[in-house]
């Protein structure tokens, strides 16, 4: 998924949650991905495997993806 074509759908607490949300989105035909957020901002961030993740979707899929999330 190319980042310049994406928008942030949600921020989740960690990688496990990101995998669950992406699984839901993919099961509904929405291409997605996730990445670390800038919220970590620590010298150790490159060594950390946990922390917040941004869920990314194509802008055209944003409203449909929001409707699938429980908190929307």
N, C-alpha and C. Protein backbone atom coordinates (compact mmCIF):
# COMPACT_ATOMS: atom_id res chain seq x y z
N UNK A 1 0.85 -1.18 0.00
CA UNK A 1 0.00 0.00 0.00
C UNK A 1 0.90 1.24 0.00
N UNK A 2 0.73 2.08 -0.99
CA UNK A 2 1.54 3.29 -1.10
C UNK A 2 1.00 4.36 -0.16
N UNK A 3 1.89 4.90 0.68
CA UNK A 3 1.47 5.85 1.71
C UNK A 3 0.90 7.16 1.17
N UNK A 4 1.37 7.63 0.01
CA UNK A 4 0.86 8.91 -0.48
C UNK A 4 -0.60 8.84 -0.90
N UNK A 5 -1.13 7.65 -1.07
CA UNK A 5 -2.53 7.47 -1.46
C UNK A 5 -3.41 7.10 -0.27
N UNK A 6 -2.89 7.19 0.94
CA UNK A 6 -3.63 6.71 2.09
C UNK A 6 -3.94 7.82 3.09
N UNK A 7 -4.92 7.51 3.94
CA UNK A 7 -5.28 8.38 5.06
C UNK A 7 -5.35 7.52 6.31
N UNK A 8 -5.23 8.18 7.46
CA UNK A 8 -5.30 7.46 8.72
C UNK A 8 -6.77 7.25 9.09
N UNK A 9 -7.14 6.00 9.24
CA UNK A 9 -8.49 5.64 9.65
C UNK A 9 -8.64 5.70 11.16
N UNK A 10 -7.66 5.15 11.87
CA UNK A 10 -7.74 5.08 13.33
C UNK A 10 -6.35 4.85 13.89
N UNK A 11 -6.20 5.10 15.18
CA UNK A 11 -4.98 4.77 15.90
C UNK A 11 -5.36 3.75 16.96
N UNK A 12 -4.64 2.65 16.97
CA UNK A 12 -4.92 1.57 17.92
C UNK A 12 -3.71 1.40 18.84
N UNK A 13 -3.91 0.76 20.02
CA UNK A 13 -2.85 0.67 21.01
C UNK A 13 -1.62 -0.12 20.62
N UNK A 14 -1.75 -1.09 19.71
CA UNK A 14 -0.58 -1.91 19.39
C UNK A 14 -0.76 -2.72 18.12
N UNK A 15 0.26 -3.53 17.83
CA UNK A 15 0.27 -4.32 16.60
C UNK A 15 -0.84 -5.37 16.57
N UNK A 16 -1.12 -6.00 17.69
CA UNK A 16 -2.18 -7.01 17.73
C UNK A 16 -3.51 -6.41 17.32
N UNK A 17 -3.84 -5.26 17.89
CA UNK A 17 -5.09 -4.58 17.54
C UNK A 17 -5.09 -4.15 16.08
N UNK A 18 -3.94 -3.71 15.59
CA UNK A 18 -3.84 -3.32 14.18
C UNK A 18 -4.11 -4.51 13.26
N UNK A 19 -3.60 -5.68 13.62
CA UNK A 19 -3.85 -6.88 12.83
C UNK A 19 -5.33 -7.25 12.83
N UNK A 20 -5.99 -7.11 13.98
CA UNK A 20 -7.41 -7.43 14.07
C UNK A 20 -8.24 -6.48 13.21
N UNK A 21 -7.96 -5.17 13.32
CA UNK A 21 -8.71 -4.19 12.53
C UNK A 21 -8.46 -4.40 11.04
N UNK A 22 -7.21 -4.62 10.66
CA UNK A 22 -6.91 -4.85 9.24
C UNK A 22 -7.57 -6.14 8.74
N UNK A 23 -7.64 -7.15 9.59
CA UNK A 23 -8.32 -8.39 9.21
C UNK A 23 -9.79 -8.14 8.91
N UNK A 24 -10.44 -7.33 9.74
CA UNK A 24 -11.84 -6.98 9.53
C UNK A 24 -12.01 -6.21 8.22
N UNK A 25 -11.14 -5.23 8.01
CA UNK A 25 -11.23 -4.42 6.79
C UNK A 25 -10.98 -5.27 5.55
N UNK A 26 -9.96 -6.11 5.58
CA UNK A 26 -9.65 -6.95 4.41
C UNK A 26 -10.77 -7.94 4.13
N UNK A 27 -11.40 -8.47 5.18
CA UNK A 27 -12.52 -9.40 5.01
C UNK A 27 -13.70 -8.72 4.30
N UNK A 28 -13.73 -7.39 4.37
CA UNK A 28 -14.78 -6.62 3.71
C UNK A 28 -14.30 -5.94 2.44
N UNK A 29 -13.18 -6.40 1.91
CA UNK A 29 -12.69 -5.93 0.62
C UNK A 29 -11.97 -4.59 0.65
N UNK A 30 -11.52 -4.14 1.82
CA UNK A 30 -10.83 -2.86 1.92
C UNK A 30 -9.34 -3.10 2.12
N UNK A 31 -8.55 -2.59 1.19
CA UNK A 31 -7.09 -2.70 1.32
C UNK A 31 -6.63 -1.77 2.43
N UNK A 32 -5.73 -2.26 3.28
CA UNK A 32 -5.28 -1.45 4.41
C UNK A 32 -3.86 -1.84 4.81
N UNK A 33 -3.33 -1.08 5.71
CA UNK A 33 -2.02 -1.36 6.28
C UNK A 33 -1.91 -0.59 7.58
N UNK A 34 -0.78 -0.75 8.26
CA UNK A 34 -0.57 0.00 9.49
C UNK A 34 0.90 0.33 9.63
N UNK A 35 1.16 1.33 10.47
CA UNK A 35 2.53 1.78 10.71
C UNK A 35 2.62 2.34 12.13
N UNK A 36 3.85 2.51 12.61
CA UNK A 36 4.07 3.17 13.90
C UNK A 36 3.56 4.60 13.80
N UNK A 37 3.14 5.14 14.92
CA UNK A 37 2.74 6.55 14.93
C UNK A 37 3.93 7.40 15.35
N UNK A 38 3.78 8.70 15.19
CA UNK A 38 4.80 9.64 15.67
C UNK A 38 4.68 9.82 17.17
N UNK A 39 3.64 9.25 17.78
CA UNK A 39 3.39 9.43 19.21
C UNK A 39 4.47 8.81 20.08
N UNK A 40 5.22 7.87 19.57
CA UNK A 40 6.23 7.20 20.38
C UNK A 40 7.37 8.17 20.71
N UNK A 41 7.91 8.82 19.73
CA UNK A 41 8.95 9.85 19.88
C UNK A 41 9.92 9.58 21.03
N UNK A 42 10.67 8.52 20.91
CA UNK A 42 11.63 8.13 21.93
C UNK A 42 12.90 7.66 21.24
N UNK A 43 14.06 7.82 21.88
CA UNK A 43 15.30 7.31 21.28
C UNK A 43 15.27 5.79 21.12
N UNK A 44 14.41 5.13 21.85
CA UNK A 44 14.32 3.66 21.78
C UNK A 44 13.28 3.18 20.79
N UNK A 45 12.58 4.09 20.11
CA UNK A 45 11.47 3.70 19.24
C UNK A 45 11.86 2.70 18.16
N UNK A 46 13.09 2.76 17.67
CA UNK A 46 13.50 1.83 16.63
C UNK A 46 13.68 0.41 17.17
N UNK A 47 13.76 0.28 18.48
CA UNK A 47 13.97 -1.03 19.10
C UNK A 47 12.70 -1.58 19.73
N UNK A 48 11.64 -0.79 19.75
CA UNK A 48 10.39 -1.20 20.38
C UNK A 48 9.48 -1.90 19.37
N UNK A 49 8.86 -2.99 19.80
CA UNK A 49 7.93 -3.68 18.92
C UNK A 49 6.50 -3.37 19.29
N UNK A 50 6.30 -2.66 20.39
CA UNK A 50 4.94 -2.32 20.80
C UNK A 50 4.72 -0.83 20.66
N UNK A 51 3.51 -0.43 20.91
CA UNK A 51 3.17 0.98 20.83
C UNK A 51 2.08 1.23 19.83
N UNK A 52 1.56 2.44 19.80
CA UNK A 52 0.43 2.77 18.93
C UNK A 52 0.74 2.56 17.45
N UNK A 53 -0.30 2.17 16.73
CA UNK A 53 -0.20 1.99 15.27
C UNK A 53 -1.30 2.78 14.59
N UNK A 54 -0.98 3.36 13.46
CA UNK A 54 -1.98 4.04 12.62
C UNK A 54 -2.48 3.04 11.59
N UNK A 55 -3.79 2.94 11.48
CA UNK A 55 -4.40 2.10 10.45
C UNK A 55 -4.61 2.98 9.22
N UNK A 56 -4.10 2.54 8.08
CA UNK A 56 -4.16 3.31 6.84
C UNK A 56 -5.09 2.66 5.83
N UNK A 57 -5.90 3.47 5.17
CA UNK A 57 -6.76 3.00 4.08
C UNK A 57 -6.68 4.01 2.94
N UNK A 58 -7.13 3.59 1.77
CA UNK A 58 -7.24 4.54 0.66
C UNK A 58 -8.33 5.55 0.99
N UNK A 59 -8.13 6.78 0.60
CA UNK A 59 -9.09 7.83 0.91
C UNK A 59 -10.50 7.49 0.40
N UNK A 60 -10.59 6.85 -0.75
CA UNK A 60 -11.89 6.48 -1.32
C UNK A 60 -12.63 5.46 -0.45
N UNK A 61 -11.91 4.71 0.38
CA UNK A 61 -12.52 3.70 1.23
C UNK A 61 -12.77 4.18 2.66
N UNK A 62 -12.42 5.42 2.96
CA UNK A 62 -12.45 5.90 4.33
C UNK A 62 -13.83 5.78 4.98
N UNK A 63 -14.87 6.27 4.34
CA UNK A 63 -16.21 6.23 4.95
C UNK A 63 -16.71 4.81 5.16
N UNK A 64 -16.47 3.94 4.20
CA UNK A 64 -16.88 2.54 4.33
C UNK A 64 -16.12 1.87 5.47
N UNK A 65 -14.84 2.15 5.57
CA UNK A 65 -14.02 1.58 6.64
C UNK A 65 -14.48 2.08 8.00
N UNK A 66 -14.78 3.36 8.11
CA UNK A 66 -15.28 3.91 9.38
C UNK A 66 -16.56 3.21 9.83
N UNK A 67 -17.43 2.92 8.88
CA UNK A 67 -18.71 2.28 9.20
C UNK A 67 -18.50 0.87 9.76
N UNK A 68 -17.40 0.24 9.44
CA UNK A 68 -17.12 -1.12 9.91
C UNK A 68 -16.55 -1.16 11.32
N UNK A 69 -15.98 -0.05 11.77
CA UNK A 69 -15.37 -0.03 13.10
C UNK A 69 -16.41 0.14 14.18
N UNK A 70 -16.26 -0.59 15.28
CA UNK A 70 -17.26 -0.54 16.36
C UNK A 70 -17.44 0.83 16.99
N UNK A 71 -16.40 1.65 17.02
CA UNK A 71 -16.48 2.96 17.68
C UNK A 71 -16.94 4.06 16.77
N UNK A 72 -17.34 3.73 15.55
CA UNK A 72 -17.68 4.81 14.61
C UNK A 72 -19.10 5.29 14.75
